[in-house]
Amino acid sequence: MEKKELYSELLLSLKSLIEEAPNEISVFSNASALLFMSLDDLNWAGFYFLDEKEEELFLGPFQGKVACQTIMVGRGVCGTSVKEERTLRVDDVHKFKGHIACDAASRSEIVIPIRKNGMIIGVLDIDSPLLNRFDEDDQEGLESFVKEIEKRLTLPFTCKSTLFD
């Protein structure tokens, strides 16, 4: 199956999964599982959410090995994506200055910011044990995937505060 067709099917599956989801945690949990089981050559797929007060990302729902619990904005691929407010596609994470190696097997990574009302609230982070795993088709497909999730988020987005207050 071609990548564009794969991502089109992923988007349909995501829409179906999150249509009746009771909350954001369910949305993010099923989204990470869907990506992890549907895309080849991944070793991690999940979400980090932004704590603006602390200027750091905290770990959200994911599939894969144990992960870093917090990442400072501006550090690593995830923190840099937030700081630069853009998708980052890294062909070789070992050449990325300041890369945080949560899993030494990771070789390439793509990080897509998640926005609500124009503000970044978190990122989708996907790692692969292969070099050059992610291309323009992956980026386009995953950005569409994130846009669909963004449509489902309630106002205001309260993932952290409602769980831990």
C-alpha atoms as a PDB file:
ATOM      1  CA  MET A   1       0.000   0.000   0.000  1.00  0.00           C
ATOM      2  CA  GLU A   2       1.280   3.466  -0.862  1.00  0.00           C
ATOM      3  CA  LYS A   3       1.892   5.892   1.980  1.00  0.00           C
ATOM      4  CA  LYS A   4      -0.791   8.369   0.911  1.00  0.00           C
ATOM      5  CA  GLU A   5      -3.376   5.579   0.905  1.00  0.00           C
ATOM      6  CA  LEU A   6      -2.114   4.309   4.270  1.00  0.00           C
ATOM      7  CA  TYR A   7      -2.458   7.752   5.850  1.00  0.00           C
ATOM      8  CA  SER A   8      -5.896   8.210   4.313  1.00  0.00           C
ATOM      9  CA  GLU A   9      -7.010   4.951   5.962  1.00  0.00           C
ATOM     10  CA  LEU A  10      -5.345   5.970   9.243  1.00  0.00           C
ATOM     11  CA  LEU A  11      -7.285   9.226   9.222  1.00  0.00           C
ATOM     12  CA  LEU A  12     -10.585   7.385   8.720  1.00  0.00           C
ATOM     13  CA  SER A  13      -9.725   4.995  11.552  1.00  0.00           C
ATOM     14  CA  LEU A  14      -8.777   7.884  13.828  1.00  0.00           C
ATOM     15  CA  LYS A  15     -12.029   9.739  13.112  1.00  0.00           C
ATOM     16  CA  SER A  16     -13.996   6.629  13.971  1.00  0.00           C
ATOM     17  CA  LEU A  17     -12.018   6.004  17.174  1.00  0.00           C
ATOM     18  CA  ILE A  18     -12.262   9.507  18.571  1.00  0.00           C
ATOM     19  CA  GLU A  19     -15.774  10.388  17.479  1.00  0.00           C
ATOM     20  CA  GLU A  20     -17.332   9.100  20.706  1.00  0.00           C
ATOM     21  CA  ALA A  21     -14.265   9.341  22.962  1.00  0.00           C
ATOM     22  CA  PRO A  22     -15.248  10.483  26.454  1.00  0.00           C
ATOM     23  CA  ASN A  23     -12.171  12.683  26.987  1.00  0.00           C
ATOM     24  CA  GLU A  24      -8.791  13.747  25.640  1.00  0.00           C
ATOM     25  CA  ILE A  25      -6.893  10.948  27.383  1.00  0.00           C
ATOM     26  CA  SER A  26      -8.942   8.401  25.447  1.00  0.00           C
ATOM     27  CA  VAL A  27      -8.277  10.297  22.217  1.00  0.00           C
ATOM     28  CA  PHE A  28      -4.503  10.418  22.746  1.00  0.00           C
ATOM     29  CA  SER A  29      -4.297   6.834  24.019  1.00  0.00           C
ATOM     30  CA  ASN A  30      -6.092   5.347  21.031  1.00  0.00           C
ATOM     31  CA  ALA A  31      -4.258   7.641  18.607  1.00  0.00           C
ATOM     32  CA  SER A  32      -0.853   6.454  19.850  1.00  0.00           C
ATOM     33  CA  ALA A  33      -1.948   2.801  19.697  1.00  0.00           C
ATOM     34  CA  LEU A  34      -3.331   3.249  16.180  1.00  0.00           C
ATOM     35  CA  LEU A  35      -0.067   4.749  14.929  1.00  0.00           C
ATOM     36  CA  PHE A  36       2.106   2.166  16.656  1.00  0.00           C
ATOM     37  CA  MET A  37       0.173  -0.788  15.249  1.00  0.00           C
ATOM     38  CA  SER A  38      -0.337   0.684  11.757  1.00  0.00           C
ATOM     39  CA  LEU A  39       3.051   2.126  10.810  1.00  0.00           C
ATOM     40  CA  ASP A  40       6.068  -0.055  10.128  1.00  0.00           C
ATOM     41  CA  ASP A  41       9.464   0.325  11.753  1.00  0.00           C
ATOM     42  CA  LEU A  42       8.503   2.316  14.836  1.00  0.00           C
ATOM     43  CA  ASN A  43       9.823   1.846  18.337  1.00  0.00           C
ATOM     44  CA  TRP A  44       7.861   4.680  19.999  1.00  0.00           C
ATOM     45  CA  ALA A  45       4.719   6.675  19.232  1.00  0.00           C
ATOM     46  CA  GLY A  46       3.123   9.027  21.703  1.00  0.00           C
ATOM     47  CA  PHE A  47       2.445  12.443  23.079  1.00  0.00           C
ATOM     48  CA  TYR A  48       4.038  15.035  25.298  1.00  0.00           C
ATOM     49  CA  PHE A  49       2.014  17.949  26.686  1.00  0.00           C
ATOM     50  CA  LEU A  50       3.228  21.446  27.393  1.00  0.00           C
ATOM     51  CA  ASP A  51       3.307  22.851  30.910  1.00  0.00           C
ATOM     52  CA  GLU A  52       3.820  26.525  30.073  1.00  0.00           C
ATOM     53  CA  LYS A  53       4.409  27.477  33.707  1.00  0.00           C
ATOM     54  CA  GLU A  54       7.352  25.098  33.992  1.00  0.00           C
ATOM     55  CA  GLU A  55       8.420  25.557  30.348  1.00  0.00           C
ATOM     56  CA  GLU A  56       8.592  21.812  29.898  1.00  0.00           C
ATOM     57  CA  LEU A  57       6.808  18.954  28.212  1.00  0.00           C
ATOM     58  CA  PHE A  58       5.430  16.105  30.303  1.00  0.00           C
ATOM     59  CA  LEU A  59       4.820  12.557  29.140  1.00  0.00           C
ATOM     60  CA  GLY A  60       1.366  11.616  27.901  1.00  0.00           C
ATOM     61  CA  PRO A  61      -0.150   8.438  26.416  1.00  0.00           C
ATOM     62  CA  PHE A  62       2.270   6.408  24.294  1.00  0.00           C
ATOM     63  CA  GLN A  63       3.222   3.006  22.896  1.00  0.00           C
ATOM     64  CA  GLY A  64       6.798   1.753  23.236  1.00  0.00           C
ATOM     65  CA  LYS A  65       9.532   1.501  25.831  1.00  0.00           C
ATOM     66  CA  VAL A  66       9.641   3.560  29.012  1.00  0.00           C
ATOM     67  CA  ALA A  67      10.190   7.218  28.102  1.00  0.00           C
ATOM     68  CA  CYS A  68      11.528  10.486  29.477  1.00  0.00           C
ATOM     69  CA  GLN A  69       8.948  11.964  31.841  1.00  0.00           C
ATOM     70  CA  THR A  70       9.776  15.614  31.191  1.00  0.00           C
ATOM     71  CA  ILE A  71      11.603  17.503  28.453  1.00  0.00           C
ATOM     72  CA  MET A  72      12.532  21.169  28.743  1.00  0.00           C
ATOM     73  CA  VAL A  73      11.323  23.451  25.948  1.00  0.00           C
ATOM     74  CA  GLY A  74      14.268  23.947  23.599  1.00  0.00           C
ATOM     75  CA  ARG A  75      15.911  20.580  24.448  1.00  0.00           C
ATOM     76  CA  GLY A  76      15.908  17.524  22.228  1.00  0.00           C
ATOM     77  CA  VAL A  77      13.769  17.132  19.146  1.00  0.00           C
ATOM     78  CA  CYS A  78      10.476  17.535  21.039  1.00  0.00           C
ATOM     79  CA  GLY A  79      11.537  20.630  22.963  1.00  0.00           C
ATOM     80  CA  THR A  80      13.052  22.186  19.850  1.00  0.00           C
ATOM     81  CA  SER A  81       9.852  21.548  17.886  1.00  0.00           C
ATOM     82  CA  VAL A  82       7.913  23.476  20.535  1.00  0.00           C
ATOM     83  CA  LYS A  83      10.455  26.304  20.689  1.00  0.00           C
ATOM     84  CA  GLU A  84      10.550  26.655  16.886  1.00  0.00           C
ATOM     85  CA  GLU A  85       6.787  26.055  16.579  1.00  0.00           C
ATOM     86  CA  ARG A  86       7.160  23.646  13.668  1.00  0.00           C
ATOM     87  CA  THR A  87       7.337  20.007  12.667  1.00  0.00           C
ATOM     88  CA  LEU A  88      10.820  18.528  12.904  1.00  0.00           C
ATOM     89  CA  ARG A  89      11.813  15.519  10.827  1.00  0.00           C
ATOM     90  CA  VAL A  90      15.225  14.196  11.839  1.00  0.00           C
ATOM     91  CA  ASP A  91      16.876  11.598   9.589  1.00  0.00           C
ATOM     92  CA  ASP A  92      19.614  10.728  12.107  1.00  0.00           C
ATOM     93  CA  VAL A  93      18.936  11.676  15.719  1.00  0.00           C
ATOM     94  CA  HIS A  94      22.583  11.078  16.655  1.00  0.00           C
ATOM     95  CA  LYS A  95      23.478  14.084  14.501  1.00  0.00           C
ATOM     96  CA  PHE A  96      20.837  16.307  16.139  1.00  0.00           C
ATOM     97  CA  LYS A  97      22.499  18.615  18.637  1.00  0.00           C
ATOM     98  CA  GLY A  98      21.067  18.021  22.087  1.00  0.00           C
ATOM     99  CA  HIS A  99      19.179  14.848  21.184  1.00  0.00           C
ATOM    100  CA  ILE A 100      17.734  13.126  24.255  1.00  0.00           C
ATOM    101  CA  ALA A 101      18.221   9.375  23.968  1.00  0.00           C
ATOM    102  CA  CYS A 102      15.303   7.842  25.852  1.00  0.00           C
ATOM    103  CA  ASP A 103      15.809   4.687  23.753  1.00  0.00           C
ATOM    104  CA  ALA A 104      19.298   4.140  22.339  1.00  0.00           C
ATOM    105  CA  ALA A 105      17.754   2.108  19.496  1.00  0.00           C
ATOM    106  CA  SER A 106      16.066   5.209  18.028  1.00  0.00           C
ATOM    107  CA  ARG A 107      17.737   6.455  14.875  1.00  0.00           C
ATOM    108  CA  SER A 108      15.194   8.821  13.290  1.00  0.00           C
ATOM    109  CA  GLU A 109      12.332  10.881  14.657  1.00  0.00           C
ATOM    110  CA  ILE A 110       9.440  13.101  13.652  1.00  0.00           C
ATOM    111  CA  VAL A 111       7.731  15.551  16.001  1.00  0.00           C
ATOM    112  CA  ILE A 112       4.551  17.444  15.139  1.00  0.00           C
ATOM    113  CA  PRO A 113       3.233  20.282  17.338  1.00  0.00           C
ATOM    114  CA  ILE A 114      -0.362  20.060  18.547  1.00  0.00           C
ATOM    115  CA  ARG A 115      -2.231  23.354  18.702  1.00  0.00           C
ATOM    116  CA  LYS A 116      -5.423  24.629  20.217  1.00  0.00           C
ATOM    117  CA  ASN A 117      -6.531  28.176  19.368  1.00  0.00           C
ATOM    118  CA  GLY A 118      -3.176  28.739  17.699  1.00  0.00           C
ATOM    119  CA  MET A 119      -1.188  27.882  20.840  1.00  0.00           C
ATOM    120  CA  ILE A 120       1.001  24.798  21.135  1.00  0.00           C
ATOM    121  CA  ILE A 121      -0.304  22.458  23.829  1.00  0.00           C
ATOM    122  CA  GLY A 122       1.923  19.470  23.081  1.00  0.00           C
ATOM    123  CA  VAL A 123       3.540  17.302  20.437  1.00  0.00           C
ATOM    124  CA  LEU A 124       3.147  13.988  18.683  1.00  0.00           C
ATOM    125  CA  ASP A 125       6.518  12.231  18.854  1.00  0.00           C
ATOM    126  CA  ILE A 126       7.369   9.173  16.750  1.00  0.00           C
ATOM    127  CA  ASP A 127      10.708   7.337  16.788  1.00  0.00           C
ATOM    128  CA  SER A 128      12.138   4.661  14.521  1.00  0.00           C
ATOM    129  CA  PRO A 129      15.128   2.336  14.792  1.00  0.00           C
ATOM    130  CA  LEU A 130      15.826   3.043  11.089  1.00  0.00           C
ATOM    131  CA  LEU A 131      17.754   5.977   9.671  1.00  0.00           C
ATOM    132  CA  ASN A 132      15.745   8.219   7.323  1.00  0.00           C
ATOM    133  CA  ARG A 133      12.457   6.514   8.268  1.00  0.00           C
ATOM    134  CA  PHE A 134      10.262   9.586   7.795  1.00  0.00           C
ATOM    135  CA  ASP A 135       9.785  11.432   4.515  1.00  0.00           C
ATOM    136  CA  GLU A 136       7.534  14.213   3.183  1.00  0.00           C
ATOM    137  CA  ASP A 137       4.602  11.801   2.765  1.00  0.00           C
ATOM    138  CA  ASP A 138       4.917  10.763   6.414  1.00  0.00           C
ATOM    139  CA  GLN A 139       5.105  14.380   7.507  1.00  0.00           C
ATOM    140  CA  GLU A 140       2.040  15.342   5.483  1.00  0.00           C
ATOM    141  CA  GLY A 141       0.075  12.311   6.702  1.00  0.00           C
ATOM    142  CA  LEU A 142       1.018  12.802  10.349  1.00  0.00           C
ATOM    143  CA  GLU A 143       0.281  16.523  10.248  1.00  0.00           C
ATOM    144  CA  SER A 144      -3.217  15.669   8.942  1.00  0.00           C
ATOM    145  CA  PHE A 145      -3.535  13.099  11.732  1.00  0.00           C
ATOM    146  CA  VAL A 146      -2.700  15.778  14.325  1.00  0.00           C
ATOM    147  CA  LYS A 147      -5.127  18.260  12.733  1.00  0.00           C
ATOM    148  CA  GLU A 148      -7.911  15.719  13.200  1.00  0.00           C
ATOM    149  CA  ILE A 149      -7.009  15.342  16.872  1.00  0.00           C
ATOM    150  CA  GLU A 150      -6.941  19.130  17.259  1.00  0.00           C
ATOM    151  CA  LYS A 151     -10.556  19.299  16.039  1.00  0.00           C
ATOM    152  CA  ARG A 152     -11.605  16.998  18.877  1.00  0.00           C
ATOM    153  CA  LEU A 153      -9.981  18.893  21.754  1.00  0.00           C
ATOM    154  CA  THR A 154     -12.286  20.725  24.136  1.00  0.00           C
ATOM    155  CA  LEU A 155     -11.837  24.305  25.260  1.00  0.00           C
ATOM    156  CA  PRO A 156      -9.832  24.961  27.270  1.00  0.00           C
ATOM    157  CA  PHE A 157      -7.555  21.964  26.913  1.00  0.00           C
ATOM    158  CA  THR A 158      -7.147  20.655  30.453  1.00  0.00           C
ATOM    159  CA  CYS A 159      -5.396  17.316  30.137  1.00  0.00           C
ATOM    160  CA  LYS A 160      -2.966  17.870  33.010  1.00  0.00           C
ATOM    161  CA  SER A 161      -4.933  19.985  35.450  1.00  0.00           C
ATOM    162  CA  THR A 162      -8.119  17.912  35.507  1.00  0.00           C
ATOM    163  CA  LEU A 163      -6.209  14.704  36.110  1.00  0.00           C
ATOM    164  CA  PHE A 164      -3.917  15.885  38.853  1.00  0.00           C
ATOM    165  CA  ASP A 165      -5.717  18.705  40.686  1.00  0.00           C
END
